[in-house]
Amino acid sequence: MGYILNGEELETGEEDFLLEANFSDEIVEIIAAAEKINLTDEHWQVINYLRDKYREDGHTPNFRAMVAELDEMHPETDWKKKLYELFPSQPARQAARVSGLTKPYGKGGY
């Protein structure tokens, strides 16, 4: 299954991850709808964090690193719990998929 953005089908691979990262906000809306996620400001906070990390490192962080870095950036939130609330299907993977990024390295985001 691919995602349609502006009349163009974006190719996906395993687990419906994009084969090439797409940083448009429109793709986030499309993938979130397919995942049955109603985006909030907290979702966008995680999405923007993941996109920045992807640009810096060429991949997304694993779940533990996500929690640690988000805790450091926003200590008022229990990020381990919050990530599971926002992205209930394996947060590190589902958040990356919704962000329009390629499939993360590692098994289950660890």
Protein backbone atom coordinates (compact mmCIF):
# COMPACT_ATOMS: atom_id res chain seq x y z
CA MET A 1 0.00 0.00 0.00
CA GLY A 2 1.33 3.41 -0.88
CA TYR A 3 0.15 6.80 0.28
CA ILE A 4 -1.25 9.31 -2.21
CA LEU A 5 0.13 12.85 -1.83
CA ASN A 6 -0.94 15.52 -4.32
CA GLY A 7 -2.00 12.85 -6.82
CA GLU A 8 1.31 10.99 -6.59
CA GLU A 9 1.64 7.58 -4.97
CA LEU A 10 4.56 7.41 -2.54
CA GLU A 11 6.10 3.98 -2.44
CA THR A 12 6.05 2.04 0.81
CA GLY A 13 7.80 -1.09 1.92
CA GLU A 14 7.64 -3.32 4.91
CA GLU A 15 5.04 -2.32 7.52
CA ASP A 16 3.89 0.57 5.29
CA PHE A 17 6.97 2.72 5.96
CA LEU A 18 7.87 5.15 3.19
CA LEU A 19 10.90 4.00 1.21
CA GLU A 20 12.09 7.61 1.07
CA ALA A 21 11.52 10.12 3.86
CA ASN A 22 8.99 12.85 3.13
CA PHE A 23 9.03 15.97 5.29
CA SER A 24 5.77 17.54 4.13
CA ASP A 25 3.14 18.14 6.79
CA GLU A 26 0.51 16.84 4.38
CA ILE A 27 1.97 13.33 4.42
CA VAL A 28 1.77 13.30 8.22
CA GLU A 29 -1.97 14.02 8.01
CA ILE A 30 -2.44 11.23 5.44
CA ILE A 31 -0.48 8.59 7.35
CA ALA A 32 -2.02 9.59 10.70
CA ALA A 33 -5.50 9.14 9.19
CA ALA A 34 -4.50 5.69 7.90
CA GLU A 35 -3.24 4.84 11.42
CA LYS A 36 -6.48 6.22 12.94
CA ILE A 37 -4.57 8.85 14.92
CA ASN A 38 -6.10 12.27 15.56
CA LEU A 39 -3.09 14.57 15.66
CA THR A 40 -2.57 16.88 18.61
CA ASP A 41 0.16 19.38 19.47
CA GLU A 42 1.89 16.62 21.44
CA HIS A 43 1.95 14.39 18.34
CA TRP A 44 3.53 17.23 16.37
CA GLN A 45 6.10 17.76 19.14
CA VAL A 46 7.22 14.13 18.73
CA ILE A 47 7.00 14.27 14.92
CA ASN A 48 9.18 17.38 14.73
CA TYR A 49 11.67 15.86 17.17
CA LEU A 50 11.91 12.66 15.08
CA ARG A 51 12.28 14.60 11.83
CA ASP A 52 15.10 16.69 13.33
CA LYS A 53 16.88 13.56 14.59
CA TYR A 54 16.46 11.91 11.19
CA ARG A 55 17.99 14.93 9.45
CA GLU A 56 20.89 15.01 11.94
CA ASP A 57 21.62 11.28 12.21
CA GLY A 58 20.12 9.73 9.06
CA HIS A 59 17.82 7.53 11.15
CA THR A 60 15.42 7.77 14.05
CA PRO A 61 16.44 7.04 17.65
CA ASN A 62 15.45 3.84 19.40
CA PHE A 63 12.69 3.97 22.01
CA ARG A 64 15.01 4.34 25.00
CA ALA A 65 16.91 7.20 23.39
CA MET A 66 13.62 8.89 22.42
CA VAL A 67 12.37 8.74 25.99
CA ALA A 68 15.67 9.99 27.42
CA GLU A 69 15.98 12.90 24.97
CA LEU A 70 12.34 13.95 25.23
CA ASP A 71 12.60 13.76 29.05
CA GLU A 72 15.62 16.03 28.88
CA MET A 73 13.89 18.49 26.54
CA HIS A 74 10.53 18.46 28.35
CA PRO A 75 11.01 17.12 31.90
CA GLU A 76 7.44 17.95 32.94
CA THR A 77 6.09 14.96 30.94
CA ASP A 78 6.38 11.22 31.59
CA TRP A 79 7.45 10.47 28.01
CA LYS A 80 7.48 6.70 28.27
CA LYS A 81 3.80 6.73 29.19
CA LYS A 82 2.95 9.62 26.85
CA LEU A 83 4.53 7.96 23.79
CA TYR A 84 2.38 4.88 24.32
CA GLU A 85 -0.70 7.10 24.61
CA LEU A 86 0.15 9.01 21.43
CA PHE A 87 1.41 6.07 19.35
CA PRO A 88 -0.05 2.89 20.88
CA SER A 89 1.34 0.48 18.24
CA GLN A 90 5.05 0.36 19.09
CA PRO A 91 5.69 4.09 19.65
CA ALA A 92 9.17 4.33 18.13
CA ARG A 93 7.99 2.63 14.95
CA GLN A 94 4.50 4.11 14.64
CA ALA A 95 5.75 7.63 15.39
CA ALA A 96 8.43 7.30 12.70
CA ARG A 97 5.89 6.00 10.18
CA VAL A 98 3.43 8.83 10.92
CA SER A 99 6.30 11.33 10.68
CA GLY A 100 6.84 10.30 7.05
CA LEU A 101 10.19 8.67 7.76
CA THR A 102 11.73 5.41 6.65
CA LYS A 103 11.66 2.21 8.70
CA PRO A 104 13.74 2.49 11.89
CA TYR A 105 16.71 0.27 12.57
CA GLY A 106 16.47 -2.45 15.15
CA LYS A 107 13.74 -4.68 16.41
CA GLY A 108 10.70 -3.01 17.95
CA GLY A 109 12.45 0.32 18.31
CA TYR A 110 15.09 -0.96 20.78
